[in-house]
Protein backbone atom coordinates (compact mmCIF):
# COMPACT_ATOMS: atom_id res chain seq x y z
CA MET A 1 114.91 150.70 102.75
CA LYS A 2 116.62 148.60 105.40
CA ILE A 3 115.84 148.96 109.26
CA LYS A 4 118.64 148.47 111.76
CA VAL A 5 118.26 145.97 114.30
CA SER A 6 120.90 145.91 117.05
CA LEU A 7 120.85 144.88 120.80
CA MET A 8 124.33 146.12 121.49
CA LEU A 9 125.07 149.16 123.88
CA PHE A 10 123.50 152.32 122.21
CA CYS A 11 124.47 155.93 122.12
CA LEU A 12 121.36 157.87 122.77
CA ALA A 13 121.42 162.06 122.65
CA PRO A 14 124.83 162.57 124.14
CA VAL A 15 123.86 166.17 123.53
CA LEU A 16 121.47 166.27 126.86
CA ALA A 17 124.64 164.61 128.72
CA GLY A 18 124.39 167.90 130.88
CA LEU A 19 120.99 167.20 132.08
CA ALA A 20 121.83 164.00 133.87
CA GLY A 21 121.30 165.93 137.33
CA ALA A 22 117.83 166.77 136.50
CA GLY A 23 115.93 164.31 137.98
CA ASN A 24 116.60 160.61 139.52
CA TRP A 25 114.22 158.06 138.75
CA THR A 26 113.75 154.03 138.69
CA VAL A 27 112.78 152.49 136.19
CA GLU A 28 111.22 148.39 136.67
CA MET A 29 111.43 146.27 133.78
CA LYS A 30 109.41 142.95 133.45
CA ALA A 31 109.65 140.37 130.79
CA VAL A 32 107.01 137.75 131.09
CA ASN A 33 106.41 134.25 129.60
CA GLY A 34 103.44 132.71 130.76
CA ARG A 35 103.64 132.78 134.52
CA VAL A 36 107.32 133.56 134.45
CA SER A 37 108.67 136.74 134.79
CA TYR A 38 111.90 137.99 134.98
CA ALA A 39 112.28 141.81 136.54
CA TYR A 40 114.69 144.29 137.37
CA ALA A 41 114.37 148.01 138.51
CA GLN A 42 116.82 150.21 137.41
CA ALA A 43 118.09 153.52 138.81
CA LEU A 44 118.45 156.12 136.10
CA SER A 45 118.80 160.11 135.87
CA VAL A 46 117.08 162.21 133.36
CA GLY A 47 119.37 162.70 130.07
CA LYS A 48 122.09 160.17 131.09
CA GLN A 49 122.47 156.58 129.75
CA ALA A 50 121.91 153.61 132.54
CA THR A 51 122.98 149.74 131.64
CA TYR A 52 122.78 146.53 133.08
CA ALA A 53 123.92 142.89 132.52
CA GLY A 54 123.25 140.53 135.48
CA LYS A 55 120.99 138.37 137.04
CA ALA A 56 117.20 139.37 137.35
CA ARG A 57 114.02 138.37 139.77
CA VAL A 58 112.39 135.59 138.80
CA ARG A 59 108.92 134.40 139.80
CA GLY A 60 106.60 131.79 138.92
CA GLY A 61 108.87 128.63 138.81
CA GLY A 62 110.98 129.20 135.59
CA PRO A 63 114.74 128.83 135.31
CA ALA A 64 117.43 131.29 136.65
CA ARG A 65 118.44 133.73 133.79
CA GLU A 66 120.62 136.95 133.44
CA ILE A 67 118.84 139.50 131.45
CA ILE A 68 120.81 142.76 129.54
CA PHE A 69 119.02 146.24 130.20
CA ASN A 70 120.02 149.36 128.48
CA SER A 71 117.80 152.27 128.98
CA PHE A 72 117.83 156.27 128.85
CA LEU A 73 115.23 158.49 129.96
CA ASN A 74 114.65 161.89 128.41
CA PRO A 75 113.47 165.20 129.87
CA ASP A 76 109.91 165.25 130.97
CA GLU A 77 107.38 166.38 128.50
CA GLU A 78 104.26 167.97 130.04
CA GLY A 79 104.00 164.92 132.81
CA LEU A 80 105.42 162.27 130.04
CA PHE A 81 108.92 160.76 129.89
CA ARG A 82 110.11 159.20 127.11
CA LEU A 83 112.27 156.23 127.72
CA ASP A 84 114.23 154.93 125.12
CA TYR A 85 115.18 150.84 125.71
CA GLN A 86 116.63 147.31 125.06
CA ALA A 87 115.82 144.58 126.80
CA GLU A 88 117.60 140.85 126.58
CA VAL A 89 116.67 137.99 128.32
CA ALA A 90 119.44 135.24 128.18
CA GLY A 91 119.20 131.74 126.83
CA GLU A 92 121.63 128.35 127.60
CA GLN A 93 123.76 129.83 124.73
CA ARG A 94 124.56 133.47 124.66
CA ALA A 95 124.14 133.86 120.87
CA ARG A 96 121.12 132.78 121.02
CA PRO A 97 118.60 134.76 123.79
CA PRO A 98 115.34 133.53 124.17
CA PHE A 99 113.75 137.17 123.67
CA GLN A 100 115.06 140.87 122.58
CA ALA A 101 113.23 144.20 122.23
CA ALA A 102 114.38 147.49 121.47
CA GLY A 103 112.21 150.57 121.03
CA LYS A 104 110.75 154.28 123.01
CA VAL A 105 107.89 154.56 125.04
CA LEU A 106 106.18 157.32 126.56
CA LEU A 107 105.73 156.60 130.41
CA ARG A 108 103.64 158.40 132.86
CA PRO A 109 105.24 157.84 136.94
CA GLY A 110 103.39 154.95 138.08
CA LYS A 111 101.83 154.12 134.89
CA PRO A 112 102.79 150.48 133.89
CA VAL A 113 103.36 150.16 129.92
CA LEU A 114 103.22 146.85 128.02
CA ALA A 115 105.60 148.36 125.49
CA ALA A 116 106.41 145.15 123.44
CA GLU A 117 105.08 141.62 122.87
CA ALA A 118 106.70 138.86 120.59
CA GLY A 119 106.13 135.22 120.79
CA GLY A 120 104.57 134.62 124.22
CA TRP A 121 107.19 137.30 125.71
CA LYS A 122 105.79 140.28 127.10
CA PHE A 123 108.01 143.31 127.60
CA ILE A 124 106.36 145.62 130.49
CA VAL A 125 108.14 148.95 131.46
CA GLU A 126 107.19 150.83 134.62
CA LEU A 127 108.70 154.38 135.85
CA LYS A 128 108.66 154.50 139.62
CA GLY A 129 106.84 157.50 141.25
CA THR A 130 103.89 159.77 141.42
CA ALA A 131 102.44 161.55 138.09
CA GLU A 132 101.28 165.12 138.26
CA GLU A 133 97.77 165.59 138.51
CA GLU A 134 98.16 166.94 135.39
CA SER A 135 99.56 165.92 132.32
CA ARG A 136 99.23 165.71 128.06
CA LYS A 137 97.46 163.14 126.85
CA GLU A 138 99.88 160.57 125.03
CA ARG A 139 100.26 160.50 121.66
CA SER A 140 101.47 156.72 121.01
CA GLY A 141 99.71 154.43 119.37
CA THR A 142 99.85 150.28 118.97
CA ILE A 143 101.14 147.97 115.97
CA GLU A 144 100.27 144.64 116.03
CA THR A 145 101.88 142.43 113.24
CA VAL A 146 101.65 138.88 112.36
CA LEU A 147 104.08 136.85 110.24
CA LYS A 148 102.66 133.82 108.96
CA CYS A 149 104.18 130.41 107.49
CA GLY A 150 101.93 127.56 106.66
CA ARG A 151 100.38 127.10 109.92
CA VAL A 152 103.05 128.63 112.37
CA SER A 153 102.16 132.26 113.36
CA TYR A 154 104.76 134.77 114.69
CA PRO A 155 103.22 137.73 116.31
CA ALA A 156 104.54 141.00 117.44
CA LYS A 157 103.28 143.97 119.04
CA PHE A 158 104.54 147.58 120.05
CA VAL A 159 103.60 150.39 121.70
CA TYR A 160 104.91 153.03 118.94
CA LEU A 161 105.43 156.74 118.33
CA PRO A 162 105.91 158.10 115.10
CA ASP A 163 109.76 157.77 113.35
CA GLU A 164 110.75 155.79 115.90
CA GLN A 165 112.22 152.53 115.22
CA TYR A 166 111.00 149.16 117.01
CA SER A 167 112.53 145.37 116.87
CA ALA A 168 112.03 141.86 118.80
CA VAL A 169 114.15 138.98 117.95
CA LEU A 170 113.43 135.75 119.31
CA PHE A 171 115.41 132.08 119.38
CA THR A 172 113.70 128.91 119.84
CA GLN A 173 114.49 125.31 119.86
CA SER A 174 112.89 122.16 118.92
CA GLY A 175 115.71 118.99 119.26
CA ASP A 176 118.54 120.19 117.41
CA THR A 177 116.75 122.87 115.16
CA VAL A 178 116.88 126.27 116.16
CA THR A 179 114.58 128.91 115.17
CA LYS A 180 114.93 132.46 114.88
CA PHE A 181 112.17 134.94 114.08
CA MET A 182 113.62 138.54 113.84
CA VAL A 183 110.91 141.86 112.97
CA GLY A 184 112.02 145.49 112.89
CA LEU A 185 109.52 148.29 112.37
CA LEU A 186 109.58 152.17 111.40
CA PRO A 187 106.68 153.71 111.57
CA LYS A 188 106.19 157.28 109.68
CA SER A 189 104.68 160.51 111.19
CA PRO A 190 101.02 160.32 109.65
CA GLY A 191 99.62 162.46 106.93
CA MET A 192 96.85 165.08 107.52
CA ASP A 193 94.24 162.12 106.77
CA GLY A 194 95.66 159.73 109.42
CA THR A 195 97.68 157.29 107.34
CA PHE A 196 101.25 156.51 107.47
CA LEU A 197 103.75 154.64 106.37
CA LEU A 198 105.14 151.45 108.04
CA GLN A 199 108.26 150.30 107.06
CA TYR A 200 109.77 146.64 107.89
CA THR A 201 112.05 144.10 107.78
CA LEU A 202 111.55 140.45 108.44
CA GLN A 203 113.60 137.24 108.85
CA LEU A 204 112.28 134.06 109.69
CA LYS A 205 115.12 130.97 109.98
CA GLU A 206 114.74 127.30 111.00
CA GLY A 207 118.13 125.61 111.10
CA GLY A 208 120.17 126.52 107.80
CA GLU A 209 116.77 127.35 105.66
CA THR A 210 115.39 130.95 105.41
CA LEU A 211 111.89 130.81 105.31
CA ALA A 212 111.10 134.17 105.14
CA GLU A 213 113.01 137.07 104.53
CA GLY A 214 113.11 140.98 103.12
CA ASP A 215 111.94 144.42 103.89
CA GLY A 216 108.69 146.60 102.72
CA GLU A 217 106.31 149.17 103.28
CA LEU A 218 102.74 149.04 103.86
CA ILE A 219 100.31 151.82 104.31
CA LEU A 220 98.18 151.87 107.65
CA ALA A 221 95.90 154.02 109.37
CA PRO A 222 94.36 153.77 113.22
CA GLY A 223 91.74 151.64 113.19
CA ASP A 224 91.62 150.74 109.31
CA GLY A 225 92.03 147.03 110.45
CA LYS A 226 94.85 144.62 108.71
CA HIS A 227 96.74 144.82 105.58
CA THR A 228 99.05 142.25 104.18
CA ALA A 229 102.31 141.41 101.96
CA SER A 230 103.94 138.79 100.99
CA ALA A 231 106.55 137.57 102.69
CA GLY A 232 108.20 134.64 100.98
CA LYS A 233 107.02 131.12 99.75
CA ASP A 234 104.05 130.21 102.21
CA CYS A 235 104.83 133.29 104.37
CA VAL A 236 102.35 136.38 104.41
CA PHE A 237 103.38 139.62 106.39
CA SER A 238 100.31 141.73 108.06
CA ALA A 239 100.25 144.75 110.32
CA LYS A 240 97.49 146.94 111.88
CA ALA A 241 97.52 150.04 113.73
CA ILE A 242 95.72 150.98 116.99
CA ARG A 243 95.24 154.14 118.61
């Protein structure tokens, strides 16, 4: 099992291209790290991919950064819209962005959603507008993961839908040493008993040394607590599902 992790421009449901005129919306994204946030509001139409690469609005006194934000808004289903997203906050070196995230999330107009977290970063999206009075309940849950190597931990958290892929990539630098952390998740549909298979892929590199790398599977159920697996020398990966 290998989960593809890519922040390149994606091709999303071309068969829906004919629905582009079905509605025009604005989705606002925020990438937040402590008190600093990088935001961008993107106009998009249902069934049509929107892309952006450029400056973001900065608040909190942080350095100016460029972002990449690719999104695709799927047709309304009983008051909820599925947003396919890819986001990247640029670093001083283009090949080492401090934060990347990709996945899919259900949005109700006017309700911000904390879609992903990794390290100290949070990715928040909101579909601007007013929700219908009646809409179906959200089917999404939350998966929390942690890669722990010695005394250092690398947490990641996603609001997820079954059978969809999620990923986060972080680059950090201390002196001349660059650290890369990557996690990819694929939660499968649950069975009759509520349990589901979580497929995952991991990588942790510090300088030229690979501390953790590989693929694996865990059986999770919402509210069932944390499940763990070895992820290399002195490294343990854990995950739990929350409804």
